[in-house]
Amino acid sequence: MKQTIRLLKENFIYDAESFLTEIRKLEALNTQQLNWKPSMDKWSIAECVDHLTVTNKLYLDKIEYQLSLKKIHCDDSKELVRHKILGKLIIKSVDPSNLKPTKTFKVFYPTSSQYDNSVLKNLIETELKLIHIVKNSVNINFNNYIISSPVSGIIKENLCDVFEIIRLHNKRHLLQIDKLLSLAQFPGSYSVD
């Protein structure tokens, strides 16, 4: 289905704000719960959160730089999203409906194995900056801003790709966090209500 850039932006803002609501609920967790892992080869909630911060911050820096250089305008209520070929592949791989586990690149790895609640604050701060950028980009043509992927300078993505990747990647890891919270062996009691 074809979508306009404005609809992509609206979807991003809506999902990002919902995502923040869920992340803020995790502030009720203690340090043990944040760092608990079901096994050594699985990530903790804190590692998932830090992975999202690392990933989104790498993109955020490139987005801010590109948008500071120039403003490319369009009627974003009419301009259709044009994902790049590699962007489409990445979007498909991070989509939460894709149940196939995917390996992440080292550049996106969590920075530690033990965290405190500041890991949540860092993600919230990064997400708020992304929301601010999108809210302030009315009639900015995200198709025409091209950045290099943090993985490799060879991989080029436009901002439509990037914001869709971030949106779906956040959702994918939120599901991973929900699964951790629902495990019977998760320490202590936790309610997501």
C-alpha atoms as a PDB file:
ATOM      1  CA  MET A   1       0.000   0.000   0.000  1.00  0.00           C
ATOM      2  CA  LYS A   2       1.299   3.427  -0.955  1.00  0.00           C
ATOM      3  CA  GLN A   3       1.581   5.933   1.852  1.00  0.00           C
ATOM      4  CA  THR A   4       2.397   9.608   1.957  1.00  0.00           C
ATOM      5  CA  ILE A   5       5.364  11.026   3.831  1.00  0.00           C
ATOM      6  CA  ARG A   6       2.956  12.812   6.162  1.00  0.00           C
ATOM      7  CA  LEU A   7       1.253   9.522   7.048  1.00  0.00           C
ATOM      8  CA  LEU A   8       4.654   7.927   7.693  1.00  0.00           C
ATOM      9  CA  LYS A   9       5.469  10.842  10.033  1.00  0.00           C
ATOM     10  CA  GLU A  10       2.109  10.600  11.815  1.00  0.00           C
ATOM     11  CA  ASN A  11       2.557   6.839  12.293  1.00  0.00           C
ATOM     12  CA  PHE A  12       6.043   7.411  13.648  1.00  0.00           C
ATOM     13  CA  ILE A  13       4.874  10.029  16.168  1.00  0.00           C
ATOM     14  CA  TYR A  14       1.899   7.940  17.312  1.00  0.00           C
ATOM     15  CA  ASP A  15       3.969   4.770  17.750  1.00  0.00           C
ATOM     16  CA  ALA A  16       6.900   6.625  19.340  1.00  0.00           C
ATOM     17  CA  GLU A  17       4.614   8.213  21.932  1.00  0.00           C
ATOM     18  CA  SER A  18       3.001   4.821  22.666  1.00  0.00           C
ATOM     19  CA  PHE A  19       6.471   3.286  22.884  1.00  0.00           C
ATOM     20  CA  LEU A  20       7.526   5.928  25.436  1.00  0.00           C
ATOM     21  CA  THR A  21       4.461   5.154  27.547  1.00  0.00           C
ATOM     22  CA  GLU A  22       5.536   1.510  27.697  1.00  0.00           C
ATOM     23  CA  ILE A  23       9.197   2.331  28.392  1.00  0.00           C
ATOM     24  CA  ARG A  24       8.212   4.656  31.241  1.00  0.00           C
ATOM     25  CA  LYS A  25       6.357   1.748  32.880  1.00  0.00           C
ATOM     26  CA  LEU A  26       9.710  -0.022  33.140  1.00  0.00           C
ATOM     27  CA  GLU A  27      10.877   2.668  35.582  1.00  0.00           C
ATOM     28  CA  ALA A  28       9.070   0.602  38.236  1.00  0.00           C
ATOM     29  CA  LEU A  29      11.641  -2.170  37.811  1.00  0.00           C
ATOM     30  CA  ASN A  30      14.558  -2.512  40.186  1.00  0.00           C
ATOM     31  CA  THR A  31      18.161  -3.023  39.078  1.00  0.00           C
ATOM     32  CA  GLN A  32      17.973  -6.807  39.460  1.00  0.00           C
ATOM     33  CA  GLN A  33      14.891  -6.967  37.252  1.00  0.00           C
ATOM     34  CA  LEU A  34      16.393  -4.653  34.614  1.00  0.00           C
ATOM     35  CA  ASN A  35      19.532  -6.782  34.374  1.00  0.00           C
ATOM     36  CA  TRP A  36      17.970 -10.255  34.673  1.00  0.00           C
ATOM     37  CA  LYS A  37      18.535 -12.640  31.757  1.00  0.00           C
ATOM     38  CA  PRO A  38      16.732 -15.942  31.159  1.00  0.00           C
ATOM     39  CA  SER A  39      20.077 -17.334  29.875  1.00  0.00           C
ATOM     40  CA  MET A  40      23.582 -16.093  29.106  1.00  0.00           C
ATOM     41  CA  ASP A  41      22.882 -15.902  25.357  1.00  0.00           C
ATOM     42  CA  LYS A  42      19.772 -13.725  25.794  1.00  0.00           C
ATOM     43  CA  TRP A  43      19.611 -10.000  26.438  1.00  0.00           C
ATOM     44  CA  SER A  44      18.197  -8.465  29.594  1.00  0.00           C
ATOM     45  CA  ILE A  45      15.574  -5.713  29.484  1.00  0.00           C
ATOM     46  CA  ALA A  46      18.320  -3.158  30.123  1.00  0.00           C
ATOM     47  CA  GLU A  47      20.413  -4.528  27.254  1.00  0.00           C
ATOM     48  CA  CYS A  48      17.409  -4.309  24.906  1.00  0.00           C
ATOM     49  CA  VAL A  49      16.820  -0.730  26.025  1.00  0.00           C
ATOM     50  CA  ASP A  50      20.476   0.230  25.640  1.00  0.00           C
ATOM     51  CA  HIS A  51      20.600  -1.432  22.212  1.00  0.00           C
ATOM     52  CA  LEU A  52      17.683   0.766  21.136  1.00  0.00           C
ATOM     53  CA  THR A  53      19.386   3.861  22.538  1.00  0.00           C
ATOM     54  CA  VAL A  54      22.653   3.059  20.780  1.00  0.00           C
ATOM     55  CA  THR A  55      20.887   2.345  17.484  1.00  0.00           C
ATOM     56  CA  ASN A  56      18.541   5.330  17.587  1.00  0.00           C
ATOM     57  CA  LYS A  57      21.293   7.717  18.709  1.00  0.00           C
ATOM     58  CA  LEU A  58      23.525   6.666  15.793  1.00  0.00           C
ATOM     59  CA  TYR A  59      20.666   7.464  13.437  1.00  0.00           C
ATOM     60  CA  LEU A  60      19.692  10.631  15.336  1.00  0.00           C
ATOM     61  CA  ASP A  61      23.138  12.162  14.904  1.00  0.00           C
ATOM     62  CA  LYS A  62      23.048  11.576  11.131  1.00  0.00           C
ATOM     63  CA  ILE A  63      19.460  12.861  10.835  1.00  0.00           C
ATOM     64  CA  GLU A  64      20.230  16.072  12.756  1.00  0.00           C
ATOM     65  CA  TYR A  65      23.281  16.696  10.606  1.00  0.00           C
ATOM     66  CA  GLN A  66      21.406  16.202   7.325  1.00  0.00           C
ATOM     67  CA  LEU A  67      18.490  18.398   8.342  1.00  0.00           C
ATOM     68  CA  SER A  68      20.881  21.136   9.507  1.00  0.00           C
ATOM     69  CA  LEU A  69      22.427  21.373   6.033  1.00  0.00           C
ATOM     70  CA  LYS A  70      19.310  22.212   4.051  1.00  0.00           C
ATOM     71  CA  LYS A  71      15.531  22.046   3.998  1.00  0.00           C
ATOM     72  CA  ILE A  72      14.022  20.176   1.058  1.00  0.00           C
ATOM     73  CA  HIS A  73      10.328  20.983   0.906  1.00  0.00           C
ATOM     74  CA  CYS A  74       7.350  19.205  -0.585  1.00  0.00           C
ATOM     75  CA  ASP A  75       3.668  18.800   0.123  1.00  0.00           C
ATOM     76  CA  ASP A  76       4.166  15.823   2.415  1.00  0.00           C
ATOM     77  CA  SER A  77       0.416  15.137   2.396  1.00  0.00           C
ATOM     78  CA  LYS A  78       0.758  14.253  -1.313  1.00  0.00           C
ATOM     79  CA  GLU A  79       4.370  13.126  -1.702  1.00  0.00           C
ATOM     80  CA  LEU A  80       4.550   9.325  -1.595  1.00  0.00           C
ATOM     81  CA  VAL A  81       7.161   7.446   0.418  1.00  0.00           C
ATOM     82  CA  ARG A  82       9.878   5.956  -1.799  1.00  0.00           C
ATOM     83  CA  HIS A  83      11.879   3.424   0.191  1.00  0.00           C
ATOM     84  CA  LYS A  84      15.314   2.520  -1.142  1.00  0.00           C
ATOM     85  CA  ILE A  85      15.948  -1.138  -2.023  1.00  0.00           C
ATOM     86  CA  LEU A  86      18.181  -1.878   0.973  1.00  0.00           C
ATOM     87  CA  GLY A  87      15.863   0.176   3.167  1.00  0.00           C
ATOM     88  CA  LYS A  88      13.006  -2.157   2.235  1.00  0.00           C
ATOM     89  CA  LEU A  89      15.095  -5.185   3.210  1.00  0.00           C
ATOM     90  CA  ILE A  90      16.050  -3.699   6.571  1.00  0.00           C
ATOM     91  CA  ILE A  91      12.449  -2.665   7.254  1.00  0.00           C
ATOM     92  CA  LYS A  92      11.313  -6.214   6.527  1.00  0.00           C
ATOM     93  CA  SER A  93      13.978  -7.688   8.814  1.00  0.00           C
ATOM     94  CA  VAL A  94      13.073  -5.480  11.829  1.00  0.00           C
ATOM     95  CA  ASP A  95       9.297  -5.704  11.365  1.00  0.00           C
ATOM     96  CA  PRO A  96       7.788  -7.305  14.505  1.00  0.00           C
ATOM     97  CA  SER A  97       5.700  -9.598  12.276  1.00  0.00           C
ATOM     98  CA  ASN A  98       8.986 -11.170  11.119  1.00  0.00           C
ATOM     99  CA  LEU A  99       9.420 -13.809  13.803  1.00  0.00           C
ATOM    100  CA  LYS A 100      12.790 -14.949  12.486  1.00  0.00           C
ATOM    101  CA  PRO A 101      15.564 -14.009  14.934  1.00  0.00           C
ATOM    102  CA  THR A 102      18.090 -11.608  13.456  1.00  0.00           C
ATOM    103  CA  LYS A 103      21.673 -10.984  14.490  1.00  0.00           C
ATOM    104  CA  THR A 104      22.596  -7.402  15.168  1.00  0.00           C
ATOM    105  CA  PHE A 105      25.774  -5.721  14.001  1.00  0.00           C
ATOM    106  CA  LYS A 106      28.455  -4.913  16.598  1.00  0.00           C
ATOM    107  CA  VAL A 107      27.968  -1.161  16.119  1.00  0.00           C
ATOM    108  CA  PHE A 108      24.471  -1.603  17.641  1.00  0.00           C
ATOM    109  CA  TYR A 109      25.488  -3.787  20.616  1.00  0.00           C
ATOM    110  CA  PRO A 110      24.583  -2.707  24.139  1.00  0.00           C
ATOM    111  CA  THR A 111      27.420  -0.809  25.798  1.00  0.00           C
ATOM    112  CA  SER A 112      27.434  -2.772  29.074  1.00  0.00           C
ATOM    113  CA  SER A 113      25.979  -5.799  30.824  1.00  0.00           C
ATOM    114  CA  GLN A 114      24.966  -4.082  34.084  1.00  0.00           C
ATOM    115  CA  TYR A 115      22.728  -1.022  34.198  1.00  0.00           C
ATOM    116  CA  ASP A 116      20.735   1.181  36.503  1.00  0.00           C
ATOM    117  CA  ASN A 117      17.525   3.099  35.702  1.00  0.00           C
ATOM    118  CA  SER A 118      19.464   5.738  33.760  1.00  0.00           C
ATOM    119  CA  VAL A 119      19.384   3.334  30.816  1.00  0.00           C
ATOM    120  CA  LEU A 120      15.658   4.090  30.545  1.00  0.00           C
ATOM    121  CA  LYS A 121      16.191   7.852  30.805  1.00  0.00           C
ATOM    122  CA  ASN A 122      18.745   7.722  27.969  1.00  0.00           C
ATOM    123  CA  LEU A 123      16.299   5.966  25.653  1.00  0.00           C
ATOM    124  CA  ILE A 124      13.461   8.323  26.589  1.00  0.00           C
ATOM    125  CA  GLU A 125      15.665  11.349  25.879  1.00  0.00           C
ATOM    126  CA  THR A 126      16.715   9.993  22.478  1.00  0.00           C
ATOM    127  CA  GLU A 127      13.150   9.096  21.534  1.00  0.00           C
ATOM    128  CA  LEU A 128      11.871  12.550  22.527  1.00  0.00           C
ATOM    129  CA  LYS A 129      14.477  14.141  20.233  1.00  0.00           C
ATOM    130  CA  LEU A 130      13.346  11.939  17.338  1.00  0.00           C
ATOM    131  CA  ILE A 131       9.702  12.848  17.962  1.00  0.00           C
ATOM    132  CA  HIS A 132      10.646  16.539  18.072  1.00  0.00           C
ATOM    133  CA  ILE A 133      12.427  16.265  14.714  1.00  0.00           C
ATOM    134  CA  VAL A 134       9.460  14.598  13.044  1.00  0.00           C
ATOM    135  CA  LYS A 135       6.921  17.001  14.548  1.00  0.00           C
ATOM    136  CA  ASN A 136       8.983  19.924  13.261  1.00  0.00           C
ATOM    137  CA  SER A 137       9.443  18.542   9.760  1.00  0.00           C
ATOM    138  CA  VAL A 138       6.082  19.438   8.240  1.00  0.00           C
ATOM    139  CA  ASN A 139       6.401  19.511   4.444  1.00  0.00           C
ATOM    140  CA  ILE A 140      10.015  18.320   4.580  1.00  0.00           C
ATOM    141  CA  ASN A 141      10.682  15.665   1.946  1.00  0.00           C
ATOM    142  CA  PHE A 142      12.219  12.715   3.804  1.00  0.00           C
ATOM    143  CA  ASN A 143      12.716  10.895   0.477  1.00  0.00           C
ATOM    144  CA  ASN A 144      15.422  13.368  -0.540  1.00  0.00           C
ATOM    145  CA  TYR A 145      17.651  13.111   2.535  1.00  0.00           C
ATOM    146  CA  ILE A 146      20.133  10.265   2.166  1.00  0.00           C
ATOM    147  CA  ILE A 147      22.336   9.050   4.995  1.00  0.00           C
ATOM    148  CA  SER A 148      24.883   6.277   5.296  1.00  0.00           C
ATOM    149  CA  SER A 149      23.878   3.404   7.507  1.00  0.00           C
ATOM    150  CA  PRO A 150      25.767   3.224  10.814  1.00  0.00           C
ATOM    151  CA  VAL A 151      26.715  -0.309   9.734  1.00  0.00           C
ATOM    152  CA  SER A 152      28.492   0.685   6.527  1.00  0.00           C
ATOM    153  CA  GLY A 153      28.999   3.815   4.450  1.00  0.00           C
ATOM    154  CA  ILE A 154      28.088   1.742   1.400  1.00  0.00           C
ATOM    155  CA  ILE A 155      24.511   1.252   2.612  1.00  0.00           C
ATOM    156  CA  LYS A 156      22.416   4.334   1.846  1.00  0.00           C
ATOM    157  CA  GLU A 157      19.023   4.977   3.413  1.00  0.00           C
ATOM    158  CA  ASN A 158      16.638   7.865   3.024  1.00  0.00           C
ATOM    159  CA  LEU A 159      14.883   9.367   6.037  1.00  0.00           C
ATOM    160  CA  CYS A 160      11.655   7.551   5.146  1.00  0.00           C
ATOM    161  CA  ASP A 161      13.615   4.297   5.489  1.00  0.00           C
ATOM    162  CA  VAL A 162      15.260   5.404   8.719  1.00  0.00           C
ATOM    163  CA  PHE A 163      12.114   6.495  10.537  1.00  0.00           C
ATOM    164  CA  GLU A 164      10.278   3.338   9.496  1.00  0.00           C
ATOM    165  CA  ILE A 165      13.237   1.208  10.623  1.00  0.00           C
ATOM    166  CA  ILE A 166      13.319   2.956  14.011  1.00  0.00           C
ATOM    167  CA  ARG A 167       9.539   2.693  14.452  1.00  0.00           C
ATOM    168  CA  LEU A 168       9.398  -1.028  13.717  1.00  0.00           C
ATOM    169  CA  HIS A 169      12.655  -1.840  15.502  1.00  0.00           C
ATOM    170  CA  ASN A 170      11.333  -0.184  18.676  1.00  0.00           C
ATOM    171  CA  LYS A 171       8.151  -2.256  18.442  1.00  0.00           C
ATOM    172  CA  ARG A 172      10.127  -5.458  17.847  1.00  0.00           C
ATOM    173  CA  HIS A 173      12.206  -4.970  20.997  1.00  0.00           C
ATOM    174  CA  LEU A 174       9.207  -3.894  23.040  1.00  0.00           C
ATOM    175  CA  LEU A 175       7.708  -7.313  22.240  1.00  0.00           C
ATOM    176  CA  GLN A 176      10.988  -8.911  23.326  1.00  0.00           C
ATOM    177  CA  ILE A 177      10.817  -6.984  26.614  1.00  0.00           C
ATOM    178  CA  ASP A 178       7.175  -8.028  27.130  1.00  0.00           C
ATOM    179  CA  LYS A 179       8.193 -11.672  26.649  1.00  0.00           C
ATOM    180  CA  LEU A 180      10.904 -11.307  29.297  1.00  0.00           C
ATOM    181  CA  LEU A 181       8.429  -9.737  31.727  1.00  0.00           C
ATOM    182  CA  SER A 182       5.964 -12.579  31.203  1.00  0.00           C
ATOM    183  CA  LEU A 183       8.435 -15.375  31.929  1.00  0.00           C
ATOM    184  CA  ALA A 184       7.591 -17.317  35.089  1.00  0.00           C
ATOM    185  CA  GLN A 185      11.196 -17.059  36.295  1.00  0.00           C
ATOM    186  CA  PHE A 186      11.290 -13.241  35.969  1.00  0.00           C
ATOM    187  CA  PRO A 187      12.376 -11.992  39.433  1.00  0.00           C
ATOM    188  CA  GLY A 188       9.789 -10.414  41.686  1.00  0.00           C
ATOM    189  CA  SER A 189       6.339  -9.425  40.647  1.00  0.00           C
ATOM    190  CA  TYR A 190       5.739  -6.999  37.851  1.00  0.00           C
ATOM    191  CA  SER A 191       2.503  -5.768  36.347  1.00  0.00           C
ATOM    192  CA  VAL A 192       2.379  -3.885  33.050  1.00  0.00           C
ATOM    193  CA  ASP A 193      -1.019  -2.350  33.868  1.00  0.00           C
END
